[in-house]
């Protein structure tokens, strides 16, 4: 079942030509304060090497989803462009959250509890 759900979410994410990890990066830069919207902040939050984070951010800048803003050489951050905002409007997690909200409360609570348990178990297995 998780694979089926994962395939549906991935397919929705790919509608705009972005992979799920691109959408996740855009979501990070859209939701955080300017002081956190740096390569280092993104890398730390997502447990990525600085090089991998930089590559991912560069891809999004080249494709027009992110831009660099600054108040000088020592004070720079990333911002989501209008194109990036449009991409986030079709974020597959929005559809998933809406579908969960439509579930009866008892099923939604059971599903959330099950996901929390799975996350804990998978995290402990590391």
PDB file of N, CA and C in Angstrom:
ATOM      1  N   UNK A   1       0.815  -1.186   0.000  1.00  0.00           N
ATOM      2  CA  UNK A   1       0.000   0.000   0.000  1.00  0.00           C
ATOM      3  C   UNK A   1       0.861   1.253   0.000  1.00  0.00           C
ATOM      4  N   UNK A   2       1.952   1.235   0.802  1.00  0.00           N
ATOM      5  CA  UNK A   2       2.822   2.412   0.836  1.00  0.00           C
ATOM      6  C   UNK A   2       3.459   2.675  -0.523  1.00  0.00           C
ATOM      7  N   UNK A   3       3.813   1.603  -1.231  1.00  0.00           N
ATOM      8  CA  UNK A   3       4.378   1.789  -2.580  1.00  0.00           C
ATOM      9  C   UNK A   3       3.363   2.425  -3.512  1.00  0.00           C
ATOM     10  N   UNK A   4       2.137   1.970  -3.439  1.00  0.00           N
ATOM     11  CA  UNK A   4       1.091   2.533  -4.303  1.00  0.00           C
ATOM     12  C   UNK A   4       0.894   4.013  -4.000  1.00  0.00           C
ATOM     13  N   UNK A   5       0.832   4.360  -2.729  1.00  0.00           N
ATOM     14  CA  UNK A   5       0.683   5.764  -2.343  1.00  0.00           C
ATOM     15  C   UNK A   5       1.901   6.571  -2.788  1.00  0.00           C
ATOM     16  N   UNK A   6       3.074   6.007  -2.622  1.00  0.00           N
ATOM     17  CA  UNK A   6       4.301   6.687  -3.044  1.00  0.00           C
ATOM     18  C   UNK A   6       4.305   6.945  -4.546  1.00  0.00           C
ATOM     19  N   UNK A   7       3.853   5.974  -5.331  1.00  0.00           N
ATOM     20  CA  UNK A   7       3.799   6.152  -6.794  1.00  0.00           C
ATOM     21  C   UNK A   7       2.822   7.260  -7.180  1.00  0.00           C
ATOM     22  N   UNK A   8       1.675   7.315  -6.511  1.00  0.00           N
ATOM     23  CA  UNK A   8       0.688   8.364  -6.801  1.00  0.00           C
ATOM     24  C   UNK A   8       1.271   9.736  -6.470  1.00  0.00           C
ATOM     25  N   UNK A   9       1.896   9.860  -5.300  1.00  0.00           N
ATOM     26  CA  UNK A   9       2.485  11.140  -4.888  1.00  0.00           C
ATOM     27  C   UNK A   9       3.606  11.535  -5.845  1.00  0.00           C
ATOM     28  N   UNK A  10       4.485  10.586  -6.201  1.00  0.00           N
ATOM     29  CA  UNK A  10       5.575  10.884  -7.138  1.00  0.00           C
ATOM     30  C   UNK A  10       5.040  11.314  -8.496  1.00  0.00           C
ATOM     31  N   UNK A  11       3.998  10.649  -8.975  1.00  0.00           N
ATOM     32  CA  UNK A  11       3.425  11.005 -10.278  1.00  0.00           C
ATOM     33  C   UNK A  11       2.868  12.421 -10.253  1.00  0.00           C
ATOM     34  N   UNK A  12       2.199  12.785  -9.166  1.00  0.00           N
ATOM     35  CA  UNK A  12       1.677  14.151  -9.051  1.00  0.00           C
ATOM     36  C   UNK A  12       2.816  15.159  -8.998  1.00  0.00           C
ATOM     37  N   UNK A  13       3.881  14.838  -8.289  1.00  0.00           N
ATOM     38  CA  UNK A  13       5.025  15.749  -8.182  1.00  0.00           C
ATOM     39  C   UNK A  13       5.683  15.950  -9.541  1.00  0.00           C
ATOM     40  N   UNK A  14       5.698  14.918 -10.366  1.00  0.00           N
ATOM     41  CA  UNK A  14       6.366  15.002 -11.663  1.00  0.00           C
ATOM     42  C   UNK A  14       5.550  15.733 -12.721  1.00  0.00           C
ATOM     43  N   UNK A  15       4.316  16.099 -12.418  1.00  0.00           N
ATOM     44  CA  UNK A  15       3.487  16.800 -13.399  1.00  0.00           C
ATOM     45  C   UNK A  15       4.127  18.096 -13.873  1.00  0.00           C
ATOM     46  N   UNK A  16       4.823  18.789 -12.988  1.00  0.00           N
ATOM     47  CA  UNK A  16       5.442  20.048 -13.372  1.00  0.00           C
ATOM     48  C   UNK A  16       6.927  19.876 -13.689  1.00  0.00           C
ATOM     49  N   UNK A  17       7.356  18.648 -13.878  1.00  0.00           N
ATOM     50  CA  UNK A  17       8.740  18.377 -14.246  1.00  0.00           C
ATOM     51  C   UNK A  17       9.705  18.339 -13.075  1.00  0.00           C
ATOM     52  N   UNK A  18       9.193  18.401 -11.868  1.00  0.00           N
ATOM     53  CA  UNK A  18      10.042  18.373 -10.684  1.00  0.00           C
ATOM     54  C   UNK A  18       9.928  17.032  -9.981  1.00  0.00           C
ATOM     55  N   UNK A  19      11.040  16.610  -9.426  1.00  0.00           N
ATOM     56  CA  UNK A  19      11.053  15.388  -8.623  1.00  0.00           C
ATOM     57  C   UNK A  19      10.575  15.726  -7.204  1.00  0.00           C
ATOM     58  N   UNK A  20      10.150  14.736  -6.439  1.00  0.00           N
ATOM     59  CA  UNK A  20       9.683  15.011  -5.078  1.00  0.00           C
ATOM     60  C   UNK A  20      10.705  15.766  -4.222  1.00  0.00           C
ATOM     61  N   UNK A  21      12.003  15.474  -4.400  1.00  0.00           N
ATOM     62  CA  UNK A  21      12.998  16.183  -3.594  1.00  0.00           C
ATOM     63  C   UNK A  21      13.107  17.649  -3.994  1.00  0.00           C
ATOM     64  N   UNK A  22      12.775  17.989  -5.257  1.00  0.00           N
ATOM     65  CA  UNK A  22      12.733  19.398  -5.660  1.00  0.00           C
ATOM     66  C   UNK A  22      11.572  20.110  -4.959  1.00  0.00           C
ATOM     67  N   UNK A  23      10.416  19.460  -4.942  1.00  0.00           N
ATOM     68  CA  UNK A  23       9.245  20.039  -4.280  1.00  0.00           C
ATOM     69  C   UNK A  23       9.541  20.225  -2.793  1.00  0.00           C
ATOM     70  N   UNK A  24      10.199  19.242  -2.194  1.00  0.00           N
ATOM     71  CA  UNK A  24      10.551  19.330  -0.783  1.00  0.00           C
ATOM     72  C   UNK A  24      11.471  20.524  -0.528  1.00  0.00           C
ATOM     73  N   UNK A  25      12.427  20.742  -1.418  1.00  0.00           N
ATOM     74  CA  UNK A  25      13.333  21.891  -1.283  1.00  0.00           C
ATOM     75  C   UNK A  25      12.565  23.202  -1.429  1.00  0.00           C
ATOM     76  N   UNK A  26      11.695  23.287  -2.422  1.00  0.00           N
ATOM     77  CA  UNK A  26      10.894  24.503  -2.594  1.00  0.00           C
ATOM     78  C   UNK A  26      10.053  24.775  -1.353  1.00  0.00           C
ATOM     79  N   UNK A  27       9.464  23.723  -0.812  1.00  0.00           N
ATOM     80  CA  UNK A  27       8.644  23.865   0.390  1.00  0.00           C
ATOM     81  C   UNK A  27       9.488  24.437   1.538  1.00  0.00           C
ATOM     82  N   UNK A  28      10.720  23.940   1.684  1.00  0.00           N
ATOM     83  CA  UNK A  28      11.613  24.447   2.731  1.00  0.00           C
ATOM     84  C   UNK A  28      11.840  25.949   2.563  1.00  0.00           C
ATOM     85  N   UNK A  29      12.190  26.375   1.353  1.00  0.00           N
ATOM     86  CA  UNK A  29      12.507  27.786   1.126  1.00  0.00           C
ATOM     87  C   UNK A  29      11.270  28.679   1.207  1.00  0.00           C
ATOM     88  N   UNK A  30      10.104  28.126   0.951  1.00  0.00           N
ATOM     89  CA  UNK A  30       8.865  28.902   1.057  1.00  0.00           C
ATOM     90  C   UNK A  30       8.427  29.069   2.512  1.00  0.00           C
ATOM     91  N   UNK A  31       8.772  28.120   3.364  1.00  0.00           N
ATOM     92  CA  UNK A  31       8.241  28.101   4.726  1.00  0.00           C
ATOM     93  C   UNK A  31       9.165  28.687   5.788  1.00  0.00           C
ATOM     94  N   UNK A  32      10.437  28.899   5.475  1.00  0.00           N
ATOM     95  CA  UNK A  32      11.385  29.341   6.499  1.00  0.00           C
ATOM     96  C   UNK A  32      11.729  30.825   6.379  1.00  0.00           C
ATOM     97  N   UNK A  33      12.207  31.368   7.488  1.00  0.00           N
ATOM     98  CA  UNK A  33      12.655  32.760   7.534  1.00  0.00           C
ATOM     99  C   UNK A  33      13.905  32.923   6.674  1.00  0.00           C
ATOM    100  N   UNK A  34      14.144  34.148   6.214  1.00  0.00           N
ATOM    101  CA  UNK A  34      15.283  34.428   5.336  1.00  0.00           C
ATOM    102  C   UNK A  34      16.605  33.957   5.938  1.00  0.00           C
ATOM    103  N   UNK A  35      16.778  34.098   7.233  1.00  0.00           N
ATOM    104  CA  UNK A  35      18.043  33.706   7.862  1.00  0.00           C
ATOM    105  C   UNK A  35      18.304  32.203   7.773  1.00  0.00           C
ATOM    106  N   UNK A  36      17.267  31.413   7.581  1.00  0.00           N
ATOM    107  CA  UNK A  36      17.411  29.963   7.468  1.00  0.00           C
ATOM    108  C   UNK A  36      17.469  29.501   6.017  1.00  0.00           C
ATOM    109  N   UNK A  37      17.099  30.370   5.082  1.00  0.00           N
ATOM    110  CA  UNK A  37      16.999  29.977   3.672  1.00  0.00           C
ATOM    111  C   UNK A  37      18.348  30.079   2.970  1.00  0.00           C
ATOM    112  N   UNK A  38      19.313  29.346   3.501  1.00  0.00           N
ATOM    113  CA  UNK A  38      20.658  29.295   2.941  1.00  0.00           C
ATOM    114  C   UNK A  38      20.971  27.852   2.559  1.00  0.00           C
ATOM    115  N   UNK A  39      22.045  27.685   1.809  1.00  0.00           N
ATOM    116  CA  UNK A  39      22.470  26.329   1.463  1.00  0.00           C
ATOM    117  C   UNK A  39      22.760  25.538   2.734  1.00  0.00           C
ATOM    118  N   UNK A  40      23.468  26.157   3.666  1.00  0.00           N
ATOM    119  CA  UNK A  40      23.810  25.467   4.919  1.00  0.00           C
ATOM    120  C   UNK A  40      22.558  25.132   5.727  1.00  0.00           C
ATOM    121  N   UNK A  41      21.609  26.056   5.788  1.00  0.00           N
ATOM    122  CA  UNK A  41      20.370  25.802   6.522  1.00  0.00           C
ATOM    123  C   UNK A  41      19.575  24.663   5.916  1.00  0.00           C
ATOM    124  N   UNK A  42      19.503  24.651   4.581  1.00  0.00           N
ATOM    125  CA  UNK A  42      18.787  23.581   3.889  1.00  0.00           C
ATOM    126  C   UNK A  42      19.486  22.242   4.101  1.00  0.00           C
ATOM    127  N   UNK A  43      20.816  22.231   3.951  1.00  0.00           N
ATOM    128  CA  UNK A  43      21.582  20.991   4.118  1.00  0.00           C
ATOM    129  C   UNK A  43      21.381  20.417   5.519  1.00  0.00           C
ATOM    130  N   UNK A  44      21.457  21.273   6.518  1.00  0.00           N
ATOM    131  CA  UNK A  44      21.301  20.812   7.898  1.00  0.00           C
ATOM    132  C   UNK A  44      19.895  20.269   8.145  1.00  0.00           C
ATOM    133  N   UNK A  45      18.890  20.991   7.688  1.00  0.00           N
ATOM    134  CA  UNK A  45      17.502  20.580   7.921  1.00  0.00           C
ATOM    135  C   UNK A  45      17.160  19.263   7.237  1.00  0.00           C
ATOM    136  N   UNK A  46      17.822  18.985   6.102  1.00  0.00           N
ATOM    137  CA  UNK A  46      17.495  17.781   5.334  1.00  0.00           C
ATOM    138  C   UNK A  46      18.583  16.709   5.404  1.00  0.00           C
ATOM    139  N   UNK A  47      19.550  16.911   6.288  1.00  0.00           N
ATOM    140  CA  UNK A  47      20.618  15.929   6.497  1.00  0.00           C
ATOM    141  C   UNK A  47      21.339  15.603   5.187  1.00  0.00           C
ATOM    142  N   UNK A  48      21.686  16.658   4.434  1.00  0.00           N
ATOM    143  CA  UNK A  48      22.404  16.512   3.172  1.00  0.00           C
ATOM    144  C   UNK A  48      23.808  17.074   3.322  1.00  0.00           C
ATOM    145  N   UNK A  49      24.711  16.580   2.492  1.00  0.00           N
ATOM    146  CA  UNK A  49      26.036  17.197   2.460  1.00  0.00           C
ATOM    147  C   UNK A  49      25.894  18.587   1.849  1.00  0.00           C
ATOM    148  N   UNK A  50      26.777  19.517   2.197  1.00  0.00           N
ATOM    149  CA  UNK A  50      26.706  20.848   1.586  1.00  0.00           C
ATOM    150  C   UNK A  50      26.783  20.794   0.059  1.00  0.00           C
ATOM    151  N   UNK A  51      27.582  19.876  -0.469  1.00  0.00           N
ATOM    152  CA  UNK A  51      27.703  19.744  -1.924  1.00  0.00           C
ATOM    153  C   UNK A  51      26.401  19.309  -2.578  1.00  0.00           C
ATOM    154  N   UNK A  52      25.741  18.324  -1.994  1.00  0.00           N
ATOM    155  CA  UNK A  52      24.462  17.844  -2.546  1.00  0.00           C
ATOM    156  C   UNK A  52      23.401  18.933  -2.451  1.00  0.00           C
ATOM    157  N   UNK A  53      23.361  19.628  -1.320  1.00  0.00           N
ATOM    158  CA  UNK A  53      22.392  20.714  -1.157  1.00  0.00           C
ATOM    159  C   UNK A  53      22.648  21.811  -2.185  1.00  0.00           C
ATOM    160  N   UNK A  54      23.917  22.154  -2.391  1.00  0.00           N
ATOM    161  CA  UNK A  54      24.272  23.193  -3.356  1.00  0.00           C
ATOM    162  C   UNK A  54      23.862  22.799  -4.772  1.00  0.00           C
ATOM    163  N   UNK A  55      24.081  21.538  -5.129  1.00  0.00           N
ATOM    164  CA  UNK A  55      23.693  21.050  -6.459  1.00  0.00           C
ATOM    165  C   UNK A  55      22.186  21.149  -6.653  1.00  0.00           C
ATOM    166  N   UNK A  56      21.434  20.725  -5.671  1.00  0.00           N
ATOM    167  CA  UNK A  56      19.973  20.763  -5.749  1.00  0.00           C
ATOM    168  C   UNK A  56      19.473  22.202  -5.869  1.00  0.00           C
ATOM    169  N   UNK A  57      20.022  23.089  -5.064  1.00  0.00           N
ATOM    170  CA  UNK A  57      19.629  24.495  -5.113  1.00  0.00           C
ATOM    171  C   UNK A  57      19.997  25.100  -6.461  1.00  0.00           C
ATOM    172  N   UNK A  58      21.186  24.787  -6.968  1.00  0.00           N
ATOM    173  CA  UNK A  58      21.609  25.300  -8.281  1.00  0.00           C
ATOM    174  C   UNK A  58      20.655  24.862  -9.383  1.00  0.00           C
ATOM    175  N   UNK A  59      20.194  23.619  -9.326  1.00  0.00           N
ATOM    176  CA  UNK A  59      19.230  23.133 -10.318  1.00  0.00           C
ATOM    177  C   UNK A  59      17.955  23.965 -10.274  1.00  0.00           C
ATOM    178  N   UNK A  60      17.469  24.249  -9.077  1.00  0.00           N
ATOM    179  CA  UNK A  60      16.229  25.019  -8.935  1.00  0.00           C
ATOM    180  C   UNK A  60      16.415  26.473  -9.364  1.00  0.00           C
ATOM    181  N   UNK A  61      17.592  27.032  -9.143  1.00  0.00           N
ATOM    182  CA  UNK A  61      17.883  28.392  -9.608  1.00  0.00           C
ATOM    183  C   UNK A  61      17.932  28.412 -11.134  1.00  0.00           C
ATOM    184  N   UNK A  62      18.652  27.458 -11.728  1.00  0.00           N
ATOM    185  CA  UNK A  62      18.771  27.385 -13.190  1.00  0.00           C
ATOM    186  C   UNK A  62      17.416  27.208 -13.866  1.00  0.00           C
ATOM    187  N   UNK A  63      16.519  26.483 -13.221  1.00  0.00           N
ATOM    188  CA  UNK A  63      15.195  26.235 -13.788  1.00  0.00           C
ATOM    189  C   UNK A  63      14.206  27.359 -13.478  1.00  0.00           C
ATOM    190  N   UNK A  64      14.627  28.352 -12.700  1.00  0.00           N
ATOM    191  CA  UNK A  64      13.784  29.510 -12.427  1.00  0.00           C
ATOM    192  C   UNK A  64      12.837  29.377 -11.249  1.00  0.00           C
ATOM    193  N   UNK A  65      13.042  28.366 -10.400  1.00  0.00           N
ATOM    194  CA  UNK A  65      12.160  28.158  -9.252  1.00  0.00           C
ATOM    195  C   UNK A  65      12.637  28.897  -7.999  1.00  0.00           C
ATOM    196  N   UNK A  66      13.946  29.135  -7.914  1.00  0.00           N
ATOM    197  CA  UNK A  66      14.544  29.862  -6.789  1.00  0.00           C
ATOM    198  C   UNK A  66      15.407  30.987  -7.331  1.00  0.00           C
ATOM    199  N   UNK A  67      15.642  32.009  -6.487  1.00  0.00           N
ATOM    200  CA  UNK A  67      16.596  33.068  -6.828  1.00  0.00           C
ATOM    201  C   UNK A  67      17.356  33.421  -5.555  1.00  0.00           C
ATOM    202  N   UNK A  68      18.544  33.975  -5.743  1.00  0.00           N
ATOM    203  CA  UNK A  68      19.331  34.422  -4.605  1.00  0.00           C
ATOM    204  C   UNK A  68      19.054  35.899  -4.363  1.00  0.00           C
ATOM    205  N   UNK A  69      18.783  36.242  -3.128  1.00  0.00           N
ATOM    206  CA  UNK A  69      18.611  37.631  -2.708  1.00  0.00           C
ATOM    207  C   UNK A  69      19.709  37.945  -1.701  1.00  0.00           C
ATOM    208  N   UNK A  70      20.064  39.224  -1.578  1.00  0.00           N
ATOM    209  CA  UNK A  70      21.100  39.576  -0.605  1.00  0.00           C
ATOM    210  C   UNK A  70      21.029  41.041  -0.210  1.00  0.00           C
ATOM    211  N   UNK A  71      21.645  41.310   0.924  1.00  0.00           N
ATOM    212  CA  UNK A  71      21.854  42.672   1.404  1.00  0.00           C
ATOM    213  C   UNK A  71      23.344  42.984   1.386  1.00  0.00           C
ATOM    214  N   UNK A  72      24.097  42.230   0.627  1.00  0.00           N
ATOM    215  CA  UNK A  72      25.546  42.382   0.566  1.00  0.00           C
ATOM    216  C   UNK A  72      26.201  41.020   0.527  1.00  0.00           C
ATOM    217  N   UNK A  73      27.519  40.989   0.375  1.00  0.00           N
ATOM    218  CA  UNK A  73      28.217  39.707   0.210  1.00  0.00           C
ATOM    219  C   UNK A  73      28.118  38.769   1.413  1.00  0.00           C
ATOM    220  N   UNK A  74      27.915  39.302   2.598  1.00  0.00           N
ATOM    221  CA  UNK A  74      27.852  38.466   3.803  1.00  0.00           C
ATOM    222  C   UNK A  74      26.431  38.082   4.199  1.00  0.00           C
ATOM    223  N   UNK A  75      25.438  38.607   3.490  1.00  0.00           N
ATOM    224  CA  UNK A  75      24.043  38.412   3.895  1.00  0.00           C
ATOM    225  C   UNK A  75      23.208  38.015   2.679  1.00  0.00           C
ATOM    226  N   UNK A  76      23.201  36.708   2.363  1.00  0.00           N
ATOM    227  CA  UNK A  76      22.467  36.215   1.195  1.00  0.00           C
ATOM    228  C   UNK A  76      21.543  35.076   1.606  1.00  0.00           C
ATOM    229  N   UNK A  77      20.439  34.945   0.880  1.00  0.00           N
ATOM    230  CA  UNK A  77      19.465  33.891   1.142  1.00  0.00           C
ATOM    231  C   UNK A  77      18.744  33.554  -0.155  1.00  0.00           C
ATOM    232  N   UNK A  78      18.033  32.449  -0.144  1.00  0.00           N
ATOM    233  CA  UNK A  78      17.285  32.004  -1.313  1.00  0.00           C
ATOM    234  C   UNK A  78      15.811  32.372  -1.136  1.00  0.00           C
ATOM    235  N   UNK A  79      15.172  32.719  -2.258  1.00  0.00           N
ATOM    236  CA  UNK A  79      13.736  33.014  -2.260  1.00  0.00           C
ATOM    237  C   UNK A  79      13.063  32.233  -3.375  1.00  0.00           C
ATOM    238  N   UNK A  80      11.827  31.848  -3.141  1.00  0.00           N
ATOM    239  CA  UNK A  80      11.036  31.138  -4.147  1.00  0.00           C
ATOM    240  C   UNK A  80      10.499  32.168  -5.136  1.00  0.00           C
ATOM    241  N   UNK A  81      10.648  31.889  -6.426  1.00  0.00           N
ATOM    242  CA  UNK A  81      10.150  32.777  -7.472  1.00  0.00           C
ATOM    243  C   UNK A  81       8.657  32.533  -7.698  1.00  0.00           C
ATOM    244  N   UNK A  82       8.061  33.352  -8.551  1.00  0.00           N
ATOM    245  CA  UNK A  82       6.648  33.152  -8.903  1.00  0.00           C
ATOM    246  C   UNK A  82       6.453  31.775  -9.538  1.00  0.00           C
ATOM    247  N   UNK A  83       7.402  31.358 -10.364  1.00  0.00           N
ATOM    248  CA  UNK A  83       7.334  30.024 -10.979  1.00  0.00           C
ATOM    249  C   UNK A  83       7.392  28.944  -9.894  1.00  0.00           C
ATOM    250  N   UNK A  84       8.234  29.146  -8.887  1.00  0.00           N
ATOM    251  CA  UNK A  84       8.319  28.206  -7.774  1.00  0.00           C
ATOM    252  C   UNK A  84       7.028  28.153  -6.977  1.00  0.00           C
ATOM    253  N   UNK A  85       6.414  29.318  -6.773  1.00  0.00           N
ATOM    254  CA  UNK A  85       5.127  29.366  -6.065  1.00  0.00           C
ATOM    255  C   UNK A  85       4.057  28.594  -6.832  1.00  0.00           C
ATOM    256  N   UNK A  86       4.063  28.731  -8.160  1.00  0.00           N
ATOM    257  CA  UNK A  86       3.088  27.976  -8.976  1.00  0.00           C
ATOM    258  C   UNK A  86       3.334  26.477  -8.848  1.00  0.00           C
ATOM    259  N   UNK A  87       4.595  26.076  -8.816  1.00  0.00           N
ATOM    260  CA  UNK A  87       4.917  24.649  -8.666  1.00  0.00           C
ATOM    261  C   UNK A  87       4.415  24.125  -7.323  1.00  0.00           C
ATOM    262  N   UNK A  88       4.510  24.948  -6.295  1.00  0.00           N
ATOM    263  CA  UNK A  88       4.034  24.519  -4.974  1.00  0.00           C
ATOM    264  C   UNK A  88       2.520  24.393  -4.911  1.00  0.00           C
ATOM    265  N   UNK A  89       1.814  25.070  -5.804  1.00  0.00           N
ATOM    266  CA  UNK A  89       0.353  24.971  -5.822  1.00  0.00           C
ATOM    267  C   UNK A  89      -0.105  23.569  -6.212  1.00  0.00           C
ATOM    268  N   UNK A  90       0.750  22.824  -6.907  1.00  0.00           N
ATOM    269  CA  UNK A  90       0.408  21.442  -7.271  1.00  0.00           C
ATOM    270  C   UNK A  90       1.226  20.450  -6.441  1.00  0.00           C
ATOM    271  N   UNK A  91       1.703  20.904  -5.288  1.00  0.00           N
ATOM    272  CA  UNK A  91       2.435  20.045  -4.363  1.00  0.00           C
ATOM    273  C   UNK A  91       1.551  18.847  -4.025  1.00  0.00           C
ATOM    274  N   UNK A  92       2.027  17.628  -4.270  1.00  0.00           N
ATOM    275  CA  UNK A  92       1.194  16.452  -4.012  1.00  0.00           C
ATOM    276  C   UNK A  92       0.817  16.290  -2.543  1.00  0.00           C
ATOM    277  N   UNK A  93       1.574  16.876  -1.644  1.00  0.00           N
ATOM    278  CA  UNK A  93       1.215  16.762  -0.231  1.00  0.00           C
ATOM    279  C   UNK A  93      -0.037  17.559   0.101  1.00  0.00           C
ATOM    280  N   UNK A  94      -0.342  18.593  -0.692  1.00  0.00           N
ATOM    281  CA  UNK A  94      -1.585  19.338  -0.491  1.00  0.00           C
ATOM    282  C   UNK A  94      -2.770  18.416  -0.754  1.00  0.00           C
ATOM    283  N   UNK A  95      -2.703  17.667  -1.858  1.00  0.00           N
ATOM    284  CA  UNK A  95      -3.783  16.728  -2.187  1.00  0.00           C
ATOM    285  C   UNK A  95      -3.873  15.622  -1.141  1.00  0.00           C
ATOM    286  N   UNK A  96      -2.730  15.155  -0.671  1.00  0.00           N
ATOM    287  CA  UNK A  96      -2.716  14.107   0.349  1.00  0.00           C
ATOM    288  C   UNK A  96      -3.324  14.619   1.657  1.00  0.00           C
ATOM    289  N   UNK A  97      -2.972  15.837   2.050  1.00  0.00           N
ATOM    290  CA  UNK A  97      -3.531  16.419   3.274  1.00  0.00           C
ATOM    291  C   UNK A  97      -5.040  16.619   3.141  1.00  0.00           C
ATOM    292  N   UNK A  98      -5.490  17.041   1.967  1.00  0.00           N
ATOM    293  CA  UNK A  98      -6.930  17.226   1.745  1.00  0.00           C
ATOM    294  C   UNK A  98      -7.660  15.888   1.818  1.00  0.00           C
ATOM    295  N   UNK A  99      -7.064  14.849   1.234  1.00  0.00           N
ATOM    296  CA  UNK A  99      -7.686  13.521   1.283  1.00  0.00           C
ATOM    297  C   UNK A  99      -7.757  13.018   2.724  1.00  0.00           C
ATOM    298  N   UNK A 100      -6.698  13.264   3.491  1.00  0.00           N
ATOM    299  CA  UNK A 100      -6.718  12.853   4.901  1.00  0.00           C
ATOM    300  C   UNK A 100      -7.787  13.611   5.674  1.00  0.00           C
ATOM    301  N   UNK A 101      -7.936  14.898   5.382  1.00  0.00           N
ATOM    302  CA  UNK A 101      -8.939  15.715   6.079  1.00  0.00           C
ATOM    303  C   UNK A 101     -10.350  15.218   5.799  1.00  0.00           C
ATOM    304  N   UNK A 102     -10.552  14.599   4.635  1.00  0.00           N
ATOM    305  CA  UNK A 102     -11.871  14.083   4.272  1.00  0.00           C
ATOM    306  C   UNK A 102     -12.208  12.758   4.953  1.00  0.00           C
ATOM    307  N   UNK A 103     -11.210  12.099   5.531  1.00  0.00           N
ATOM    308  CA  UNK A 103     -11.472  10.833   6.219  1.00  0.00           C
ATOM    309  C   UNK A 103     -12.272  11.091   7.492  1.00  0.00           C
ATOM    310  N   UNK A 104     -13.092  10.122   7.893  1.00  0.00           N
ATOM    311  CA  UNK A 104     -13.758  10.250   9.195  1.00  0.00           C
ATOM    312  C   UNK A 104     -12.691  10.390  10.292  1.00  0.00           C
ATOM    313  N   UNK A 105     -13.013  11.126  11.333  1.00  0.00           N
ATOM    314  CA  UNK A 105     -12.029  11.439  12.376  1.00  0.00           C
ATOM    315  C   UNK A 105     -11.358  10.196  12.952  1.00  0.00           C
ATOM    316  N   UNK A 106     -12.123   9.143  13.187  1.00  0.00           N
ATOM    317  CA  UNK A 106     -11.537   7.933  13.784  1.00  0.00           C
ATOM    318  C   UNK A 106     -10.505   7.298  12.852  1.00  0.00           C
ATOM    319  N   UNK A 107     -10.787   7.284  11.551  1.00  0.00           N
ATOM    320  CA  UNK A 107      -9.832   6.712  10.591  1.00  0.00           C
ATOM    321  C   UNK A 107      -8.607   7.603  10.457  1.00  0.00           C
ATOM    322  N   UNK A 108      -8.830   8.923  10.458  1.00  0.00           N
ATOM    323  CA  UNK A 108      -7.715   9.866  10.347  1.00  0.00           C
ATOM    324  C   UNK A 108      -6.780   9.720  11.555  1.00  0.00           C
ATOM    325  N   UNK A 109      -7.361   9.635  12.753  1.00  0.00           N
ATOM    326  CA  UNK A 109      -6.547   9.485  13.960  1.00  0.00           C
ATOM    327  C   UNK A 109      -5.788   8.164  13.953  1.00  0.00           C
ATOM    328  N   UNK A 110      -6.445   7.094  13.506  1.00  0.00           N
ATOM    329  CA  UNK A 110      -5.780   5.789  13.436  1.00  0.00           C
ATOM    330  C   UNK A 110      -4.644   5.819  12.419  1.00  0.00           C
ATOM    331  N   UNK A 111      -4.879   6.462  11.276  1.00  0.00           N
ATOM    332  CA  UNK A 111      -3.853   6.566  10.240  1.00  0.00           C
ATOM    333  C   UNK A 111      -2.658   7.369  10.755  1.00  0.00           C
ATOM    334  N   UNK A 112      -2.928   8.493  11.409  1.00  0.00           N
ATOM    335  CA  UNK A 112      -1.848   9.320  11.948  1.00  0.00           C
ATOM    336  C   UNK A 112      -1.050   8.567  13.009  1.00  0.00           C
ATOM    337  N   UNK A 113      -1.741   7.846  13.867  1.00  0.00           N
ATOM    338  CA  UNK A 113      -1.055   7.063  14.898  1.00  0.00           C
ATOM    339  C   UNK A 113      -0.195   5.980  14.259  1.00  0.00           C
ATOM    340  N   UNK A 114      -0.728   5.337  13.227  1.00  0.00           N
ATOM    341  CA  UNK A 114       0.038   4.314  12.525  1.00  0.00           C
ATOM    342  C   UNK A 114       1.276   4.886  11.854  1.00  0.00           C
ATOM    343  N   UNK A 115       1.146   6.045  11.221  1.00  0.00           N
ATOM    344  CA  UNK A 115       2.302   6.686  10.585  1.00  0.00           C
ATOM    345  C   UNK A 115       3.354   7.084  11.615  1.00  0.00           C
ATOM    346  N   UNK A 116       2.911   7.606  12.744  1.00  0.00           N
ATOM    347  CA  UNK A 116       3.859   7.975  13.798  1.00  0.00           C
ATOM    348  C   UNK A 116       4.613   6.749  14.292  1.00  0.00           C
ATOM    349  N   UNK A 117       3.901   5.645  14.460  1.00  0.00           N
ATOM    350  CA  UNK A 117       4.530   4.405  14.901  1.00  0.00           C
ATOM    351  C   UNK A 117       5.534   3.916  13.862  1.00  0.00           C
ATOM    352  N   UNK A 118       5.145   3.950  12.581  1.00  0.00           N
ATOM    353  CA  UNK A 118       6.063   3.524  11.521  1.00  0.00           C
ATOM    354  C   UNK A 118       7.317   4.395  11.484  1.00  0.00           C
ATOM    355  N   UNK A 119       7.139   5.700  11.581  1.00  0.00           N
ATOM    356  CA  UNK A 119       8.294   6.611  11.566  1.00  0.00           C
ATOM    357  C   UNK A 119       9.235   6.306  12.725  1.00  0.00           C
ATOM    358  N   UNK A 120       8.663   6.058  13.889  1.00  0.00           N
ATOM    359  CA  UNK A 120       9.483   5.740  15.058  1.00  0.00           C
ATOM    360  C   UNK A 120      10.240   4.435  14.840  1.00  0.00           C
ATOM    361  N   UNK A 121       9.535   3.414  14.346  1.00  0.00           N
ATOM    362  CA  UNK A 121      10.167   2.107  14.144  1.00  0.00           C
ATOM    363  C   UNK A 121      11.260   2.169  13.080  1.00  0.00           C
ATOM    364  N   UNK A 122      10.992   2.860  11.995  1.00  0.00           N
ATOM    365  CA  UNK A 122      11.994   2.979  10.932  1.00  0.00           C
ATOM    366  C   UNK A 122      13.187   3.785  11.441  1.00  0.00           C
ATOM    367  N   UNK A 123      12.909   4.840  12.205  1.00  0.00           N
ATOM    368  CA  UNK A 123      13.984   5.647  12.773  1.00  0.00           C
ATOM    369  C   UNK A 123      14.858   4.862  13.729  1.00  0.00           C
ATOM    370  N   UNK A 124      14.260   3.978  14.507  1.00  0.00           N
ATOM    371  CA  UNK A 124      15.014   3.157  15.455  1.00  0.00           C
ATOM    372  C   UNK A 124      15.830   2.093  14.742  1.00  0.00           C
ATOM    373  N   UNK A 125      15.428   1.713  13.530  1.00  0.00           N
ATOM    374  CA  UNK A 125      16.113   0.649  12.799  1.00  0.00           C
ATOM    375  C   UNK A 125      17.423   1.126  12.182  1.00  0.00           C
ATOM    376  N   UNK A 126      17.675   2.421  12.203  1.00  0.00           N
ATOM    377  CA  UNK A 126      18.903   2.966  11.588  1.00  0.00           C
ATOM    378  C   UNK A 126      20.129   2.515  12.274  1.00  0.00           C
TER     379      UNK A 126
END
